[in-house]
PDB file of N, CA and C in Angstrom:
ATOM      1  N   MET A   1      19.605  -7.908  28.169  1.00  0.00           N
ATOM      2  CA  MET A   1      20.127  -6.678  28.669  1.00  0.00           C
ATOM      3  C   MET A   1      19.256  -5.503  28.240  1.00  0.00           C
ATOM      4  N   PHE A   2      19.056  -5.341  26.929  1.00  0.00           N
ATOM      5  CA  PHE A   2      18.187  -4.286  26.437  1.00  0.00           C
ATOM      6  C   PHE A   2      16.907  -4.922  25.919  1.00  0.00           C
ATOM      7  N   HIS A   3      15.791  -4.470  26.437  1.00  0.00           N
ATOM      8  CA  HIS A   3      14.502  -5.013  26.025  1.00  0.00           C
ATOM      9  C   HIS A   3      13.832  -4.053  25.070  1.00  0.00           C
ATOM     10  N   LYS A   4      13.188  -4.624  24.087  1.00  0.00           N
ATOM     11  CA  LYS A   4      12.459  -3.824  23.131  1.00  0.00           C
ATOM     12  C   LYS A   4      11.179  -3.319  23.787  1.00  0.00           C
ATOM     13  N   LYS A   5      10.928  -2.039  23.692  1.00  0.00           N
ATOM     14  CA  LYS A   5       9.701  -1.491  24.249  1.00  0.00           C
ATOM     15  C   LYS A   5       8.566  -1.773  23.270  1.00  0.00           C
ATOM     16  N   ILE A   6       7.535  -2.418  23.764  1.00  0.00           N
ATOM     17  CA  ILE A   6       6.401  -2.768  22.918  1.00  0.00           C
ATOM     18  C   ILE A   6       5.491  -1.559  22.801  1.00  0.00           C
ATOM     19  N   LYS A   7       5.260  -1.146  21.569  1.00  0.00           N
ATOM     20  CA  LYS A   7       4.388  -0.013  21.310  1.00  0.00           C
ATOM     21  C   LYS A   7       2.944  -0.486  21.427  1.00  0.00           C
ATOM     22  N   GLN A   8       2.164   0.195  22.247  1.00  0.00           N
ATOM     23  CA  GLN A   8       0.785  -0.214  22.458  1.00  0.00           C
ATOM     24  C   GLN A   8      -0.075   0.242  21.289  1.00  0.00           C
ATOM     25  N   LYS A   9      -0.830  -0.684  20.745  1.00  0.00           N
ATOM     26  CA  LYS A   9      -1.706  -0.418  19.607  1.00  0.00           C
ATOM     27  C   LYS A   9      -3.134  -0.310  20.101  1.00  0.00           C
ATOM     28  N   GLU A  10      -4.002   0.187  19.238  1.00  0.00           N
ATOM     29  CA  GLU A  10      -5.411   0.338  19.592  1.00  0.00           C
ATOM     30  C   GLU A  10      -6.278  -0.475  18.645  1.00  0.00           C
ATOM     31  N   TYR A  11      -7.471  -0.796  19.127  1.00  0.00           N
ATOM     32  CA  TYR A  11      -8.468  -1.464  18.303  1.00  0.00           C
ATOM     33  C   TYR A  11      -9.815  -0.821  18.593  1.00  0.00           C
ATOM     34  N   ASP A  12     -10.806  -1.096  17.775  1.00  0.00           N
ATOM     35  CA  ASP A  12     -12.138  -0.502  17.915  1.00  0.00           C
ATOM     36  C   ASP A  12     -12.884  -1.194  19.058  1.00  0.00           C
ATOM     37  N   VAL A  13     -12.872  -0.573  20.223  1.00  0.00           N
ATOM     38  CA  VAL A  13     -13.447  -1.176  21.437  1.00  0.00           C
ATOM     39  C   VAL A  13     -14.961  -1.340  21.316  1.00  0.00           C
ATOM     40  N   GLU A  14     -15.622  -0.429  20.630  1.00  0.00           N
ATOM     41  CA  GLU A  14     -17.086  -0.480  20.516  1.00  0.00           C
ATOM     42  C   GLU A  14     -17.565  -1.596  19.598  1.00  0.00           C
ATOM     43  N   ASN A  15     -16.778  -1.957  18.579  1.00  0.00           N
ATOM     44  CA  ASN A  15     -17.229  -2.926  17.585  1.00  0.00           C
ATOM     45  C   ASN A  15     -16.457  -4.241  17.588  1.00  0.00           C
ATOM     46  N   GLN A  16     -15.332  -4.299  18.293  1.00  0.00           N
ATOM     47  CA  GLN A  16     -14.523  -5.515  18.288  1.00  0.00           C
ATOM     48  C   GLN A  16     -14.204  -5.970  19.709  1.00  0.00           C
ATOM     49  N   LYS A  17     -14.034  -7.295  19.847  1.00  0.00           N
ATOM     50  CA  LYS A  17     -13.594  -7.833  21.137  1.00  0.00           C
ATOM     51  C   LYS A  17     -12.422  -8.767  20.885  1.00  0.00           C
ATOM     52  N   PRO A  18     -11.423  -8.757  21.778  1.00  0.00           N
ATOM     53  CA  PRO A  18     -10.262  -9.633  21.610  1.00  0.00           C
ATOM     54  C   PRO A  18     -10.630 -11.084  21.895  1.00  0.00           C
ATOM     55  N   VAL A  19     -10.125 -11.987  21.052  1.00  0.00           N
ATOM     56  CA  VAL A  19     -10.453 -13.409  21.156  1.00  0.00           C
ATOM     57  C   VAL A  19      -9.244 -14.230  20.727  1.00  0.00           C
ATOM     58  N   ILE A  20      -9.081 -15.403  21.351  1.00  0.00           N
ATOM     59  CA  ILE A  20      -8.110 -16.386  20.871  1.00  0.00           C
ATOM     60  C   ILE A  20      -8.922 -17.527  20.270  1.00  0.00           C
ATOM     61  N   ARG A  21      -8.728 -17.746  18.995  1.00  0.00           N
ATOM     62  CA  ARG A  21      -9.444 -18.798  18.295  1.00  0.00           C
ATOM     63  C   ARG A  21      -8.604 -20.068  18.349  1.00  0.00           C
ATOM     64  N   CYS A  22      -9.185 -21.156  18.889  1.00  0.00           N
ATOM     65  CA  CYS A  22      -8.463 -22.422  19.068  1.00  0.00           C
ATOM     66  C   CYS A  22      -9.087 -23.503  18.194  1.00  0.00           C
ATOM     67  N   SER A  23      -8.235 -24.275  17.541  1.00  0.00           N
ATOM     68  CA  SER A  23      -8.696 -25.399  16.739  1.00  0.00           C
ATOM     69  C   SER A  23      -8.793 -26.634  17.626  1.00  0.00           C
ATOM     70  N   ILE A  24      -9.908 -27.322  17.568  1.00  0.00           N
ATOM     71  CA  ILE A  24     -10.092 -28.539  18.352  1.00  0.00           C
ATOM     72  C   ILE A  24      -9.208 -29.657  17.802  1.00  0.00           C
ATOM     73  N   CYS A  25      -9.076 -29.739  16.491  1.00  0.00           N
ATOM     74  CA  CYS A  25      -8.320 -30.817  15.854  1.00  0.00           C
ATOM     75  C   CYS A  25      -6.813 -30.681  16.032  1.00  0.00           C
ATOM     76  N   THR A  26      -6.275 -29.524  15.684  1.00  0.00           N
ATOM     77  CA  THR A  26      -4.819 -29.360  15.658  1.00  0.00           C
ATOM     78  C   THR A  26      -4.264 -28.671  16.891  1.00  0.00           C
ATOM     79  N   GLY A  27      -5.100 -27.964  17.634  1.00  0.00           N
ATOM     80  CA  GLY A  27      -4.629 -27.237  18.800  1.00  0.00           C
ATOM     81  C   GLY A  27      -4.028 -25.886  18.462  1.00  0.00           C
ATOM     82  N   GLU A  28      -4.093 -25.497  17.189  1.00  0.00           N
ATOM     83  CA  GLU A  28      -3.546 -24.211  16.767  1.00  0.00           C
ATOM     84  C   GLU A  28      -4.342 -23.074  17.396  1.00  0.00           C
ATOM     85  N   GLN A  29      -3.632 -22.040  17.842  1.00  0.00           N
ATOM     86  CA  GLN A  29      -4.263 -20.885  18.463  1.00  0.00           C
ATOM     87  C   GLN A  29      -3.884 -19.628  17.703  1.00  0.00           C
ATOM     88  N   VAL A  30      -4.891 -18.793  17.406  1.00  0.00           N
ATOM     89  CA  VAL A  30      -4.678 -17.543  16.690  1.00  0.00           C
ATOM     90  C   VAL A  30      -5.348 -16.430  17.483  1.00  0.00           C
ATOM     91  N   ALA A  31      -4.585 -15.370  17.761  1.00  0.00           N
ATOM     92  CA  ALA A  31      -5.123 -14.222  18.482  1.00  0.00           C
ATOM     93  C   ALA A  31      -5.600 -13.190  17.466  1.00  0.00           C
ATOM     94  N   GLY A  32      -6.696 -12.547  17.798  1.00  0.00           N
ATOM     95  CA  GLY A  32      -7.229 -11.521  16.912  1.00  0.00           C
ATOM     96  C   GLY A  32      -8.438 -10.848  17.522  1.00  0.00           C
ATOM     97  N   PHE A  33      -9.217 -10.220  16.659  1.00  0.00           N
ATOM     98  CA  PHE A  33     -10.395  -9.490  17.112  1.00  0.00           C
ATOM     99  C   PHE A  33     -11.618  -9.934  16.334  1.00  0.00           C
ATOM    100  N   LYS A  34     -12.720 -10.104  17.049  1.00  0.00           N
ATOM    101  CA  LYS A  34     -13.975 -10.531  16.453  1.00  0.00           C
ATOM    102  C   LYS A  34     -14.938  -9.353  16.455  1.00  0.00           C
ATOM    103  N   ASN A  35     -15.533  -9.090  15.307  1.00  0.00           N
ATOM    104  CA  ASN A  35     -16.519  -8.026  15.197  1.00  0.00           C
ATOM    105  C   ASN A  35     -17.776  -8.465  15.939  1.00  0.00           C
ATOM    106  N   ILE A  36     -18.248  -7.651  16.856  1.00  0.00           N
ATOM    107  CA  ILE A  36     -19.401  -7.994  17.688  1.00  0.00           C
ATOM    108  C   ILE A  36     -20.671  -8.116  16.853  1.00  0.00           C
ATOM    109  N   HIS A  37     -20.796  -7.303  15.820  1.00  0.00           N
ATOM    110  CA  HIS A  37     -22.032  -7.247  15.028  1.00  0.00           C
ATOM    111  C   HIS A  37     -22.076  -8.297  13.919  1.00  0.00           C
ATOM    112  N   THR A  38     -20.969  -8.494  13.220  1.00  0.00           N
ATOM    113  CA  THR A  38     -20.971  -9.401  12.078  1.00  0.00           C
ATOM    114  C   THR A  38     -20.389 -10.772  12.389  1.00  0.00           C
ATOM    115  N   GLY A  39     -19.563 -10.881  13.435  1.00  0.00           N
ATOM    116  CA  GLY A  39     -18.925 -12.144  13.777  1.00  0.00           C
ATOM    117  C   GLY A  39     -17.659 -12.404  12.979  1.00  0.00           C
ATOM    118  N   LYS A  40     -17.255 -11.465  12.121  1.00  0.00           N
ATOM    119  CA  LYS A  40     -16.043 -11.622  11.315  1.00  0.00           C
ATOM    120  C   LYS A  40     -14.818 -11.553  12.220  1.00  0.00           C
ATOM    121  N   PHE A  41     -13.866 -12.488  11.988  1.00  0.00           N
ATOM    122  CA  PHE A  41     -12.657 -12.575  12.799  1.00  0.00           C
ATOM    123  C   PHE A  41     -11.480 -12.012  12.021  1.00  0.00           C
ATOM    124  N   GLU A  42     -10.719 -11.121  12.653  1.00  0.00           N
ATOM    125  CA  GLU A  42      -9.521 -10.532  12.053  1.00  0.00           C
ATOM    126  C   GLU A  42      -8.297 -11.088  12.768  1.00  0.00           C
ATOM    127  N   GLU A  43      -7.496 -11.891  12.062  1.00  0.00           N
ATOM    128  CA  GLU A  43      -6.305 -12.506  12.651  1.00  0.00           C
ATOM    129  C   GLU A  43      -5.211 -11.471  12.842  1.00  0.00           C
ATOM    130  N   ILE A  44      -4.545 -11.523  14.004  1.00  0.00           N
ATOM    131  CA  ILE A  44      -3.428 -10.632  14.278  1.00  0.00           C
ATOM    132  C   ILE A  44      -2.128 -11.418  14.351  1.00  0.00           C
ATOM    133  N   MET A  45      -2.110 -12.479  15.147  1.00  0.00           N
ATOM    134  CA  MET A  45      -0.880 -13.261  15.274  1.00  0.00           C
ATOM    135  C   MET A  45      -1.150 -14.687  15.716  1.00  0.00           C
ATOM    136  N   LEU A  46      -0.232 -15.580  15.361  1.00  0.00           N
ATOM    137  CA  LEU A  46      -0.278 -16.977  15.772  1.00  0.00           C
ATOM    138  C   LEU A  46       0.297 -17.094  17.169  1.00  0.00           C
ATOM    139  N   ILE A  47      -0.361 -17.864  18.024  1.00  0.00           N
ATOM    140  CA  ILE A  47       0.092 -18.057  19.406  1.00  0.00           C
ATOM    141  C   ILE A  47       0.744 -19.438  19.499  1.00  0.00           C
ATOM    142  N   ASN A  48       2.080 -19.454  19.670  1.00  0.00           N
ATOM    143  CA  ASN A  48       2.818 -20.715  19.796  1.00  0.00           C
ATOM    144  C   ASN A  48       3.107 -21.078  21.239  1.00  0.00           C
ATOM    145  N   GLY A  49       2.996 -20.124  22.139  1.00  0.00           N
ATOM    146  CA  GLY A  49       3.303 -20.387  23.539  1.00  0.00           C
ATOM    147  C   GLY A  49       2.854 -19.228  24.409  1.00  0.00           C
ATOM    148  N   GLU A  50       3.178 -19.330  25.679  1.00  0.00           N
ATOM    149  CA  GLU A  50       2.770 -18.325  26.667  1.00  0.00           C
ATOM    150  C   GLU A  50       3.380 -16.954  26.361  1.00  0.00           C
ATOM    151  N   LYS A  51       4.604 -16.937  25.852  1.00  0.00           N
ATOM    152  CA  LYS A  51       5.264 -15.661  25.544  1.00  0.00           C
ATOM    153  C   LYS A  51       4.536 -14.915  24.425  1.00  0.00           C
ATOM    154  N   ASP A  52       4.038 -15.647  23.427  1.00  0.00           N
ATOM    155  CA  ASP A  52       3.290 -15.010  22.345  1.00  0.00           C
ATOM    156  C   ASP A  52       1.988 -14.412  22.867  1.00  0.00           C
ATOM    157  N   LEU A  53       1.326 -15.133  23.761  1.00  0.00           N
ATOM    158  CA  LEU A  53       0.091 -14.634  24.348  1.00  0.00           C
ATOM    159  C   LEU A  53       0.358 -13.378  25.170  1.00  0.00           C
ATOM    160  N   GLU A  54       1.408 -13.397  25.962  1.00  0.00           N
ATOM    161  CA  GLU A  54       1.768 -12.220  26.763  1.00  0.00           C
ATOM    162  C   GLU A  54       2.106 -11.034  25.867  1.00  0.00           C
ATOM    163  N   ALA A  55       2.795 -11.288  24.749  1.00  0.00           N
ATOM    164  CA  ALA A  55       3.146 -10.213  23.818  1.00  0.00           C
ATOM    165  C   ALA A  55       1.894  -9.606  23.193  1.00  0.00           C
ATOM    166  N   PHE A  56       0.916 -10.446  22.818  1.00  0.00           N
ATOM    167  CA  PHE A  56      -0.336  -9.950  22.245  1.00  0.00           C
ATOM    168  C   PHE A  56      -1.092  -9.098  23.260  1.00  0.00           C
ATOM    169  N   MET A  57      -1.167  -9.574  24.497  1.00  0.00           N
ATOM    170  CA  MET A  57      -1.890  -8.831  25.528  1.00  0.00           C
ATOM    171  C   MET A  57      -1.190  -7.515  25.837  1.00  0.00           C
ATOM    172  N   ALA A  58       0.139  -7.500  25.853  1.00  0.00           N
ATOM    173  CA  ALA A  58       0.887  -6.265  26.111  1.00  0.00           C
ATOM    174  C   ALA A  58       0.756  -5.292  24.946  1.00  0.00           C
ATOM    175  N   MET A  59       0.690  -5.821  23.730  1.00  0.00           N
ATOM    176  CA  MET A  59       0.602  -4.990  22.540  1.00  0.00           C
ATOM    177  C   MET A  59      -0.686  -4.156  22.524  1.00  0.00           C
ATOM    178  N   TYR A  60      -1.774  -4.725  23.039  1.00  0.00           N
ATOM    179  CA  TYR A  60      -3.064  -4.043  23.024  1.00  0.00           C
ATOM    180  C   TYR A  60      -3.534  -3.625  24.415  1.00  0.00           C
ATOM    181  N   GLY A  61      -2.736  -3.840  25.445  1.00  0.00           N
ATOM    182  CA  GLY A  61      -3.086  -3.427  26.793  1.00  0.00           C
ATOM    183  C   GLY A  61      -4.239  -4.225  27.382  1.00  0.00           C
ATOM    184  N   LEU A  62      -4.243  -5.515  27.138  1.00  0.00           N
ATOM    185  CA  LEU A  62      -5.322  -6.392  27.616  1.00  0.00           C
ATOM    186  C   LEU A  62      -4.893  -7.125  28.872  1.00  0.00           C
ATOM    187  N   SER A  63      -5.864  -7.419  29.752  1.00  0.00           N
ATOM    188  CA  SER A  63      -5.552  -8.182  30.968  1.00  0.00           C
ATOM    189  C   SER A  63      -5.946  -9.656  30.819  1.00  0.00           C
ATOM    190  N   ALA A  64      -6.954  -9.937  30.003  1.00  0.00           N
ATOM    191  CA  ALA A  64      -7.398 -11.319  29.772  1.00  0.00           C
ATOM    192  C   ALA A  64      -8.028 -11.412  28.388  1.00  0.00           C
ATOM    193  N   VAL A  65      -7.885 -12.584  27.766  1.00  0.00           N
ATOM    194  CA  VAL A  65      -8.448 -12.809  26.439  1.00  0.00           C
ATOM    195  C   VAL A  65      -9.175 -14.156  26.467  1.00  0.00           C
ATOM    196  N   PRO A  66     -10.484 -14.176  26.188  1.00  0.00           N
ATOM    197  CA  PRO A  66     -11.225 -15.448  26.179  1.00  0.00           C
ATOM    198  C   PRO A  66     -10.883 -16.289  24.950  1.00  0.00           C
ATOM    199  N   LYS A  67     -11.067 -17.614  25.101  1.00  0.00           N
ATOM    200  CA  LYS A  67     -10.811 -18.539  23.987  1.00  0.00           C
ATOM    201  C   LYS A  67     -12.139 -18.960  23.367  1.00  0.00           C
ATOM    202  N   GLU A  68     -12.098 -19.147  22.045  1.00  0.00           N
ATOM    203  CA  GLU A  68     -13.249 -19.668  21.292  1.00  0.00           C
ATOM    204  C   GLU A  68     -12.813 -20.908  20.546  1.00  0.00           C
ATOM    205  N   TYR A  69     -13.684 -21.918  20.529  1.00  0.00           N
ATOM    206  CA  TYR A  69     -13.364 -23.161  19.835  1.00  0.00           C
ATOM    207  C   TYR A  69     -14.222 -23.321  18.616  1.00  0.00           C
TER     208      TYR A  69
END
């Protein structure tokens, strides 16, 4: 009935890119941001299903997020 309004957050567009890191062994998926220059990954949230992915994309105003293995 009442939906929580998701507050849109910001990230450093010039130095970071959104990525979903996937484990080949376990299948675990973690959404976060990868520094373009250093390659350091900053974890934001665990992705357990499609709803979590949609919530992450809505939180940061993203239309698509590439996966890395």
